[in-house]
Amino acid sequence: MSVKHMILGALMNGPAHGYSLRSGLMSKVLEEFGINDGQLYPLLKKMTTEGLIEKEVEYRDAGPNRHNY
């Protein structure tokens, strides 16, 4: 099973942003595949470009904007 498939599976439960994927249940899986932040975010961008997932930007007054997938 590829990392893309695991991300798609995680997103079946509902929208999530990159940090929640990285810090939630997926963290162990991503660690085992050797995926770090420098690889996760470009992969999410690539999956968006390929039409596998959609991105919605949540604009926030405090802190950085969130990119929900």
N, C-alpha and C. Protein backbone atom coordinates (compact mmCIF):
# COMPACT_ATOMS: atom_id res chain seq x y z
N MET A 1 0.85 -1.17 0.00
CA MET A 1 0.00 0.00 0.00
C MET A 1 0.90 1.24 0.00
N SER A 2 0.53 2.23 -0.79
CA SER A 2 1.35 3.43 -0.89
C SER A 2 0.92 4.46 0.14
N VAL A 3 1.78 5.44 0.35
CA VAL A 3 1.49 6.53 1.28
C VAL A 3 0.27 7.31 0.79
N LYS A 4 0.14 7.47 -0.52
CA LYS A 4 -1.04 8.17 -1.07
C LYS A 4 -2.32 7.48 -0.63
N HIS A 5 -2.33 6.16 -0.71
CA HIS A 5 -3.53 5.41 -0.32
C HIS A 5 -3.82 5.57 1.17
N MET A 6 -2.79 5.61 1.97
CA MET A 6 -2.98 5.79 3.41
C MET A 6 -3.53 7.18 3.73
N ILE A 7 -3.04 8.18 3.02
CA ILE A 7 -3.55 9.54 3.23
C ILE A 7 -5.02 9.60 2.80
N LEU A 8 -5.33 9.00 1.67
CA LEU A 8 -6.73 8.96 1.22
C LEU A 8 -7.61 8.26 2.25
N GLY A 9 -7.11 7.19 2.82
CA GLY A 9 -7.86 6.47 3.86
C GLY A 9 -8.09 7.33 5.09
N ALA A 10 -7.06 8.07 5.48
CA ALA A 10 -7.18 8.95 6.66
C ALA A 10 -8.19 10.06 6.40
N LEU A 11 -8.24 10.55 5.16
CA LEU A 11 -9.15 11.65 4.83
C LEU A 11 -10.59 11.17 4.63
N MET A 12 -10.80 9.87 4.57
CA MET A 12 -12.17 9.36 4.46
C MET A 12 -12.98 9.68 5.71
N ASN A 13 -12.31 9.85 6.84
CA ASN A 13 -13.00 10.18 8.10
C ASN A 13 -13.45 11.63 8.14
N GLY A 14 -12.93 12.44 7.26
CA GLY A 14 -13.28 13.86 7.21
C GLY A 14 -12.07 14.69 6.90
N PRO A 15 -12.28 15.97 6.66
CA PRO A 15 -11.17 16.86 6.30
C PRO A 15 -10.11 16.93 7.40
N ALA A 16 -8.89 17.14 6.98
CA ALA A 16 -7.78 17.28 7.91
C ALA A 16 -6.73 18.18 7.29
N HIS A 17 -5.96 18.82 8.13
CA HIS A 17 -4.84 19.62 7.63
C HIS A 17 -3.56 18.83 7.83
N GLY A 18 -2.49 19.26 7.20
CA GLY A 18 -1.24 18.52 7.24
C GLY A 18 -0.74 18.23 8.63
N TYR A 19 -0.84 19.21 9.52
CA TYR A 19 -0.34 19.01 10.88
C TYR A 19 -1.14 17.93 11.60
N SER A 20 -2.45 17.92 11.41
CA SER A 20 -3.25 16.90 12.09
C SER A 20 -2.93 15.50 11.55
N LEU A 21 -2.63 15.41 10.27
CA LEU A 21 -2.21 14.12 9.71
C LEU A 21 -0.87 13.71 10.32
N ARG A 22 0.01 14.66 10.44
CA ARG A 22 1.36 14.38 10.93
C ARG A 22 1.37 14.04 12.41
N SER A 23 0.44 14.60 13.18
CA SER A 23 0.49 14.39 14.63
C SER A 23 -0.54 13.37 15.12
N GLY A 24 -1.47 12.97 14.28
CA GLY A 24 -2.52 12.04 14.70
C GLY A 24 -2.10 10.59 14.52
N LEU A 25 -3.09 9.77 14.22
CA LEU A 25 -2.85 8.34 14.05
C LEU A 25 -1.89 8.04 12.91
N MET A 26 -1.89 8.90 11.90
CA MET A 26 -1.03 8.69 10.74
C MET A 26 0.45 8.86 11.07
N SER A 27 0.77 9.47 12.21
CA SER A 27 2.17 9.78 12.51
C SER A 27 3.03 8.52 12.52
N LYS A 28 2.54 7.44 13.11
CA LYS A 28 3.30 6.18 13.15
C LYS A 28 3.50 5.62 11.75
N VAL A 29 2.45 5.68 10.94
CA VAL A 29 2.53 5.16 9.58
C VAL A 29 3.54 5.97 8.77
N LEU A 30 3.44 7.29 8.87
CA LEU A 30 4.37 8.15 8.13
C LEU A 30 5.81 7.92 8.57
N GLU A 31 5.99 7.73 9.88
CA GLU A 31 7.34 7.44 10.40
C GLU A 31 7.89 6.15 9.80
N GLU A 32 7.04 5.12 9.76
CA GLU A 32 7.49 3.83 9.25
C GLU A 32 7.87 3.90 7.78
N PHE A 33 7.21 4.76 7.02
CA PHE A 33 7.54 4.94 5.61
C PHE A 33 8.65 5.96 5.41
N GLY A 34 9.13 6.57 6.50
CA GLY A 34 10.20 7.55 6.39
C GLY A 34 9.75 8.87 5.80
N ILE A 35 8.46 9.20 5.95
CA ILE A 35 7.93 10.45 5.41
C ILE A 35 8.02 11.53 6.48
N ASN A 36 8.74 12.60 6.19
CA ASN A 36 8.85 13.72 7.12
C ASN A 36 8.06 14.90 6.58
N ASP A 37 8.05 16.01 7.33
CA ASP A 37 7.29 17.19 6.91
C ASP A 37 7.71 17.69 5.53
N GLY A 38 9.00 17.60 5.24
CA GLY A 38 9.52 18.06 3.96
C GLY A 38 9.03 17.23 2.79
N GLN A 39 8.49 16.06 3.08
CA GLN A 39 7.94 15.19 2.03
C GLN A 39 6.42 15.16 2.06
N LEU A 40 5.82 15.30 3.26
CA LEU A 40 4.37 15.22 3.39
C LEU A 40 3.66 16.36 2.66
N TYR A 41 4.09 17.57 2.91
CA TYR A 41 3.39 18.72 2.32
C TYR A 41 3.51 18.76 0.79
N PRO A 42 4.68 18.49 0.21
CA PRO A 42 4.72 18.40 -1.26
C PRO A 42 3.85 17.25 -1.81
N LEU A 43 3.75 16.15 -1.05
CA LEU A 43 2.90 15.04 -1.48
C LEU A 43 1.43 15.47 -1.47
N LEU A 44 1.01 16.20 -0.44
CA LEU A 44 -0.37 16.70 -0.40
C LEU A 44 -0.63 17.65 -1.58
N LYS A 45 0.36 18.49 -1.89
CA LYS A 45 0.22 19.40 -3.03
C LYS A 45 0.10 18.62 -4.34
N LYS A 46 0.92 17.58 -4.49
CA LYS A 46 0.89 16.76 -5.70
C LYS A 46 -0.45 16.04 -5.83
N MET A 47 -0.97 15.53 -4.71
CA MET A 47 -2.25 14.84 -4.74
C MET A 47 -3.37 15.79 -5.11
N THR A 48 -3.24 17.06 -4.70
CA THR A 48 -4.23 18.07 -5.07
C THR A 48 -4.16 18.34 -6.56
N THR A 49 -2.95 18.48 -7.08
CA THR A 49 -2.75 18.72 -8.52
C THR A 49 -3.29 17.57 -9.35
N GLU A 50 -3.11 16.35 -8.85
CA GLU A 50 -3.58 15.16 -9.57
C GLU A 50 -5.10 14.98 -9.46
N GLY A 51 -5.75 15.79 -8.65
CA GLY A 51 -7.20 15.69 -8.49
C GLY A 51 -7.64 14.60 -7.52
N LEU A 52 -6.71 14.05 -6.75
CA LEU A 52 -7.06 13.00 -5.79
C LEU A 52 -7.73 13.57 -4.54
N ILE A 53 -7.33 14.78 -4.16
CA ILE A 53 -7.91 15.45 -3.00
C ILE A 53 -8.15 16.92 -3.36
N GLU A 54 -8.95 17.58 -2.56
CA GLU A 54 -9.20 19.00 -2.73
C GLU A 54 -8.68 19.75 -1.52
N LYS A 55 -8.29 21.00 -1.74
CA LYS A 55 -7.76 21.82 -0.66
C LYS A 55 -8.67 23.02 -0.46
N GLU A 56 -8.95 23.32 0.80
CA GLU A 56 -9.70 24.51 1.16
C GLU A 56 -8.89 25.26 2.21
N VAL A 57 -8.65 26.54 1.96
CA VAL A 57 -7.86 27.34 2.89
C VAL A 57 -8.77 27.95 3.94
N GLU A 58 -8.43 27.73 5.20
CA GLU A 58 -9.16 28.30 6.33
C GLU A 58 -8.37 29.51 6.81
N TYR A 59 -8.88 30.69 6.54
CA TYR A 59 -8.19 31.92 6.91
C TYR A 59 -8.43 32.20 8.39
N ARG A 60 -7.35 32.47 9.10
CA ARG A 60 -7.44 32.67 10.54
C ARG A 60 -6.81 34.01 10.93
N ASP A 61 -7.40 34.65 11.93
CA ASP A 61 -6.86 35.92 12.42
C ASP A 61 -5.58 35.70 13.22
N ALA A 62 -5.58 34.67 14.03
CA ALA A 62 -4.40 34.37 14.85
C ALA A 62 -3.73 33.11 14.31
N GLY A 63 -2.46 33.21 14.05
CA GLY A 63 -1.72 32.05 13.54
C GLY A 63 -1.82 31.93 12.04
N PRO A 64 -1.10 30.96 11.51
CA PRO A 64 -1.10 30.78 10.05
C PRO A 64 -2.43 30.20 9.56
N ASN A 65 -2.73 30.45 8.31
CA ASN A 65 -3.92 29.88 7.69
C ASN A 65 -3.76 28.36 7.62
N ARG A 66 -4.88 27.66 7.68
CA ARG A 66 -4.85 26.20 7.60
C ARG A 66 -5.31 25.76 6.22
N HIS A 67 -4.62 24.79 5.71
CA HIS A 67 -4.98 24.18 4.43
C HIS A 67 -5.61 22.84 4.73
N ASN A 68 -6.93 22.79 4.63
CA ASN A 68 -7.67 21.54 4.91
C ASN A 68 -7.83 20.75 3.62
N TYR A 69 -7.62 19.45 3.73
CA TYR A 69 -7.71 18.57 2.57
C TYR A 69 -8.87 17.62 2.75
